[in-house]
PDB file of N, CA and C in Angstrom:
ATOM      1  N   MET A   1       3.648  -3.240 -13.085  1.00  0.00           N
ATOM      2  CA  MET A   1       2.433  -3.627 -12.394  1.00  0.00           C
ATOM      3  C   MET A   1       1.251  -3.309 -13.314  1.00  0.00           C
ATOM      4  N   GLU A   2       0.387  -4.269 -13.481  1.00  0.00           N
ATOM      5  CA  GLU A   2      -0.808  -4.100 -14.311  1.00  0.00           C
ATOM      6  C   GLU A   2      -1.806  -3.184 -13.601  1.00  0.00           C
ATOM      7  N   PRO A   3      -2.660  -2.479 -14.346  1.00  0.00           N
ATOM      8  CA  PRO A   3      -3.632  -1.568 -13.724  1.00  0.00           C
ATOM      9  C   PRO A   3      -4.504  -2.236 -12.659  1.00  0.00           C
ATOM     10  N   ALA A   4      -4.964  -3.456 -12.905  1.00  0.00           N
ATOM     11  CA  ALA A   4      -5.798  -4.143 -11.909  1.00  0.00           C
ATOM     12  C   ALA A   4      -5.005  -4.422 -10.636  1.00  0.00           C
ATOM     13  N   GLU A   5      -3.742  -4.806 -10.786  1.00  0.00           N
ATOM     14  CA  GLU A   5      -2.887  -5.060  -9.623  1.00  0.00           C
ATOM     15  C   GLU A   5      -2.611  -3.769  -8.869  1.00  0.00           C
ATOM     16  N   LEU A   6      -2.401  -2.686  -9.605  1.00  0.00           N
ATOM     17  CA  LEU A   6      -2.158  -1.389  -8.977  1.00  0.00           C
ATOM     18  C   LEU A   6      -3.370  -0.953  -8.162  1.00  0.00           C
ATOM     19  N   ASN A   7      -4.563  -1.132  -8.712  1.00  0.00           N
ATOM     20  CA  ASN A   7      -5.774  -0.764  -7.973  1.00  0.00           C
ATOM     21  C   ASN A   7      -5.915  -1.574  -6.693  1.00  0.00           C
ATOM     22  N   LYS A   8      -5.597  -2.853  -6.747  1.00  0.00           N
ATOM     23  CA  LYS A   8      -5.648  -3.695  -5.546  1.00  0.00           C
ATOM     24  C   LYS A   8      -4.627  -3.222  -4.513  1.00  0.00           C
ATOM     25  N   ALA A   9      -3.430  -2.899  -4.974  1.00  0.00           N
ATOM     26  CA  ALA A   9      -2.382  -2.438  -4.060  1.00  0.00           C
ATOM     27  C   ALA A   9      -2.763  -1.105  -3.425  1.00  0.00           C
ATOM     28  N   VAL A  10      -3.343  -0.189  -4.213  1.00  0.00           N
ATOM     29  CA  VAL A  10      -3.794   1.098  -3.668  1.00  0.00           C
ATOM     30  C   VAL A  10      -4.864   0.853  -2.613  1.00  0.00           C
ATOM     31  N   SER A  11      -5.787  -0.036  -2.904  1.00  0.00           N
ATOM     32  CA  SER A  11      -6.846  -0.362  -1.946  1.00  0.00           C
ATOM     33  C   SER A  11      -6.266  -0.947  -0.661  1.00  0.00           C
ATOM     34  N   ASP A  12      -5.307  -1.849  -0.794  1.00  0.00           N
ATOM     35  CA  ASP A  12      -4.681  -2.462   0.386  1.00  0.00           C
ATOM     36  C   ASP A  12      -3.967  -1.425   1.245  1.00  0.00           C
ATOM     37  N   LEU A  13      -3.185  -0.549   0.610  1.00  0.00           N
ATOM     38  CA  LEU A  13      -2.468   0.469   1.382  1.00  0.00           C
ATOM     39  C   LEU A  13      -3.424   1.480   1.994  1.00  0.00           C
ATOM     40  N   ALA A  14      -4.487   1.812   1.280  1.00  0.00           N
ATOM     41  CA  ALA A  14      -5.483   2.737   1.830  1.00  0.00           C
ATOM     42  C   ALA A  14      -6.082   2.151   3.098  1.00  0.00           C
ATOM     43  N   TRP A  15      -6.386   0.870   3.066  1.00  0.00           N
ATOM     44  CA  TRP A  15      -6.955   0.232   4.253  1.00  0.00           C
ATOM     45  C   TRP A  15      -5.910   0.112   5.367  1.00  0.00           C
ATOM     46  N   TRP A  16      -4.719  -0.358   5.029  1.00  0.00           N
ATOM     47  CA  TRP A  16      -3.696  -0.629   6.040  1.00  0.00           C
ATOM     48  C   TRP A  16      -3.240   0.640   6.751  1.00  0.00           C
ATOM     49  N   TYR A  17      -2.963   1.695   5.992  1.00  0.00           N
ATOM     50  CA  TYR A  17      -2.439   2.924   6.575  1.00  0.00           C
ATOM     51  C   TYR A  17      -3.498   3.996   6.799  1.00  0.00           C
ATOM     52  N   GLY A  18      -4.690   3.801   6.254  1.00  0.00           N
ATOM     53  CA  GLY A  18      -5.748   4.789   6.416  1.00  0.00           C
ATOM     54  C   GLY A  18      -5.594   6.002   5.517  1.00  0.00           C
ATOM     55  N   TRP A  19      -4.859   5.833   4.437  1.00  0.00           N
ATOM     56  CA  TRP A  19      -4.614   6.948   3.516  1.00  0.00           C
ATOM     57  C   TRP A  19      -5.694   7.013   2.454  1.00  0.00           C
ATOM     58  N   PRO A  20      -6.050   8.223   2.021  1.00  0.00           N
ATOM     59  CA  PRO A  20      -6.924   8.320   0.849  1.00  0.00           C
ATOM     60  C   PRO A  20      -6.105   8.001  -0.405  1.00  0.00           C
ATOM     61  N   PRO A  21      -6.742   7.481  -1.428  1.00  0.00           N
ATOM     62  CA  PRO A  21      -6.010   7.120  -2.647  1.00  0.00           C
ATOM     63  C   PRO A  21      -5.201   8.269  -3.239  1.00  0.00           C
ATOM     64  N   GLU A  22      -5.661   9.505  -3.086  1.00  0.00           N
ATOM     65  CA  GLU A  22      -4.941  10.646  -3.660  1.00  0.00           C
ATOM     66  C   GLU A  22      -3.500  10.726  -3.155  1.00  0.00           C
ATOM     67  N   VAL A  23      -3.288  10.333  -1.907  1.00  0.00           N
ATOM     68  CA  VAL A  23      -1.937  10.362  -1.332  1.00  0.00           C
ATOM     69  C   VAL A  23      -1.020   9.434  -2.127  1.00  0.00           C
ATOM     70  N   MET A  24      -1.510   8.259  -2.423  1.00  0.00           N
ATOM     71  CA  MET A  24      -0.683   7.284  -3.134  1.00  0.00           C
ATOM     72  C   MET A  24      -0.496   7.649  -4.595  1.00  0.00           C
ATOM     73  N   TYR A  25      -1.496   8.274  -5.202  1.00  0.00           N
ATOM     74  CA  TYR A  25      -1.378   8.668  -6.607  1.00  0.00           C
ATOM     75  C   TYR A  25      -0.301   9.730  -6.804  1.00  0.00           C
ATOM     76  N   ARG A  26       0.054  10.454  -5.742  1.00  0.00           N
ATOM     77  CA  ARG A  26       1.107  11.473  -5.842  1.00  0.00           C
ATOM     78  C   ARG A  26       2.502  10.890  -5.607  1.00  0.00           C
ATOM     79  N   MET A  27       2.588   9.647  -5.158  1.00  0.00           N
ATOM     80  CA  MET A  27       3.883   9.018  -4.884  1.00  0.00           C
ATOM     81  C   MET A  27       4.551   8.585  -6.181  1.00  0.00           C
ATOM     82  N   THR A  28       5.881   8.541  -6.129  1.00  0.00           N
ATOM     83  CA  THR A  28       6.594   7.897  -7.232  1.00  0.00           C
ATOM     84  C   THR A  28       6.366   6.393  -7.109  1.00  0.00           C
ATOM     85  N   LEU A  29       6.643   5.673  -8.167  1.00  0.00           N
ATOM     86  CA  LEU A  29       6.483   4.223  -8.112  1.00  0.00           C
ATOM     87  C   LEU A  29       7.419   3.612  -7.071  1.00  0.00           C
ATOM     88  N   ALA A  30       8.616   4.164  -6.941  1.00  0.00           N
ATOM     89  CA  ALA A  30       9.571   3.665  -5.940  1.00  0.00           C
ATOM     90  C   ALA A  30       9.037   3.881  -4.525  1.00  0.00           C
ATOM     91  N   GLU A  31       8.471   5.051  -4.256  1.00  0.00           N
ATOM     92  CA  GLU A  31       7.892   5.319  -2.935  1.00  0.00           C
ATOM     93  C   GLU A  31       6.726   4.373  -2.659  1.00  0.00           C
ATOM     94  N   PHE A  32       5.867   4.234  -3.651  1.00  0.00           N
ATOM     95  CA  PHE A  32       4.703   3.366  -3.498  1.00  0.00           C
ATOM     96  C   PHE A  32       5.134   1.930  -3.204  1.00  0.00           C
ATOM     97  N   ASN A  33       6.086   1.432  -3.973  1.00  0.00           N
ATOM     98  CA  ASN A  33       6.579   0.068  -3.757  1.00  0.00           C
ATOM     99  C   ASN A  33       7.215  -0.086  -2.382  1.00  0.00           C
ATOM    100  N   GLY A  34       7.914   0.949  -1.913  1.00  0.00           N
ATOM    101  CA  GLY A  34       8.504   0.902  -0.577  1.00  0.00           C
ATOM    102  C   GLY A  34       7.451   0.744   0.505  1.00  0.00           C
ATOM    103  N   TRP A  35       6.371   1.514   0.400  1.00  0.00           N
ATOM    104  CA  TRP A  35       5.286   1.400   1.379  1.00  0.00           C
ATOM    105  C   TRP A  35       4.573   0.056   1.266  1.00  0.00           C
ATOM    106  N   LEU A  36       4.420  -0.433   0.050  1.00  0.00           N
ATOM    107  CA  LEU A  36       3.792  -1.735  -0.147  1.00  0.00           C
ATOM    108  C   LEU A  36       4.645  -2.840   0.467  1.00  0.00           C
ATOM    109  N   GLU A  37       5.958  -2.752   0.310  1.00  0.00           N
ATOM    110  CA  GLU A  37       6.864  -3.728   0.927  1.00  0.00           C
ATOM    111  C   GLU A  37       6.776  -3.673   2.447  1.00  0.00           C
ATOM    112  N   GLN A  38       6.692  -2.465   3.013  1.00  0.00           N
ATOM    113  CA  GLN A  38       6.582  -2.331   4.467  1.00  0.00           C
ATOM    114  C   GLN A  38       5.279  -2.940   4.973  1.00  0.00           C
ATOM    115  N   ALA A  39       4.186  -2.670   4.286  1.00  0.00           N
ATOM    116  CA  ALA A  39       2.899  -3.240   4.696  1.00  0.00           C
ATOM    117  C   ALA A  39       2.952  -4.762   4.629  1.00  0.00           C
ATOM    118  N   THR A  40       3.536  -5.293   3.566  1.00  0.00           N
ATOM    119  CA  THR A  40       3.666  -6.742   3.422  1.00  0.00           C
ATOM    120  C   THR A  40       4.505  -7.319   4.552  1.00  0.00           C
ATOM    121  N   ARG A  41       5.614  -6.666   4.871  1.00  0.00           N
ATOM    122  CA  ARG A  41       6.479  -7.131   5.960  1.00  0.00           C
ATOM    123  C   ARG A  41       5.732  -7.113   7.287  1.00  0.00           C
ATOM    124  N   GLN A  42       5.001  -6.033   7.549  1.00  0.00           N
ATOM    125  CA  GLN A  42       4.267  -5.905   8.805  1.00  0.00           C
ATOM    126  C   GLN A  42       3.194  -6.986   8.937  1.00  0.00           C
ATOM    127  N   ILE A  43       2.501  -7.247   7.852  1.00  0.00           N
ATOM    128  CA  ILE A  43       1.454  -8.269   7.881  1.00  0.00           C
ATOM    129  C   ILE A  43       2.060  -9.645   8.123  1.00  0.00           C
ATOM    130  N   LYS A  44       3.147  -9.951   7.432  1.00  0.00           N
ATOM    131  CA  LYS A  44       3.811 -11.248   7.616  1.00  0.00           C
ATOM    132  C   LYS A  44       4.365 -11.403   9.025  1.00  0.00           C
ATOM    133  N   ALA A  45       4.757 -10.285   9.648  1.00  0.00           N
ATOM    134  CA  ALA A  45       5.294 -10.323  11.010  1.00  0.00           C
ATOM    135  C   ALA A  45       4.187 -10.413  12.056  1.00  0.00           C
ATOM    136  N   GLY A  46       2.940 -10.359  11.612  1.00  0.00           N
ATOM    137  CA  GLY A  46       1.831 -10.517  12.546  1.00  0.00           C
ATOM    138  C   GLY A  46       1.270  -9.230  13.109  1.00  0.00           C
ATOM    139  N   TYR A  47       1.670  -8.097  12.547  1.00  0.00           N
ATOM    140  CA  TYR A  47       1.091  -6.837  12.995  1.00  0.00           C
ATOM    141  C   TYR A  47      -0.403  -6.871  12.704  1.00  0.00           C
ATOM    142  N   VAL A  48      -1.171  -6.205  13.538  1.00  0.00           N
ATOM    143  CA  VAL A  48      -2.608  -6.092  13.299  1.00  0.00           C
ATOM    144  C   VAL A  48      -2.994  -4.629  13.310  1.00  0.00           C
ATOM    145  N   LYS A  49      -4.017  -4.324  12.591  1.00  0.00           N
ATOM    146  CA  LYS A  49      -4.517  -2.955  12.555  1.00  0.00           C
ATOM    147  C   LYS A  49      -5.534  -2.812  13.675  1.00  0.00           C
ATOM    148  N   SER A  50      -5.320  -1.807  14.513  1.00  0.00           N
ATOM    149  CA  SER A  50      -6.257  -1.635  15.629  1.00  0.00           C
ATOM    150  C   SER A  50      -7.268  -0.572  15.342  1.00  0.00           C
TER     151      SER A  50
END
């Protein structure tokens, strides 16, 4: 993942889950990708953030 793409993904997960970026910076790449996949799945399934 390119740095610009990583920053966008961090921003998306921060918004979706309400996490500060520091939480994601401590994750392994595998953990981060897992959460990104879950967020993508939830969005495609029509979940909304309340």
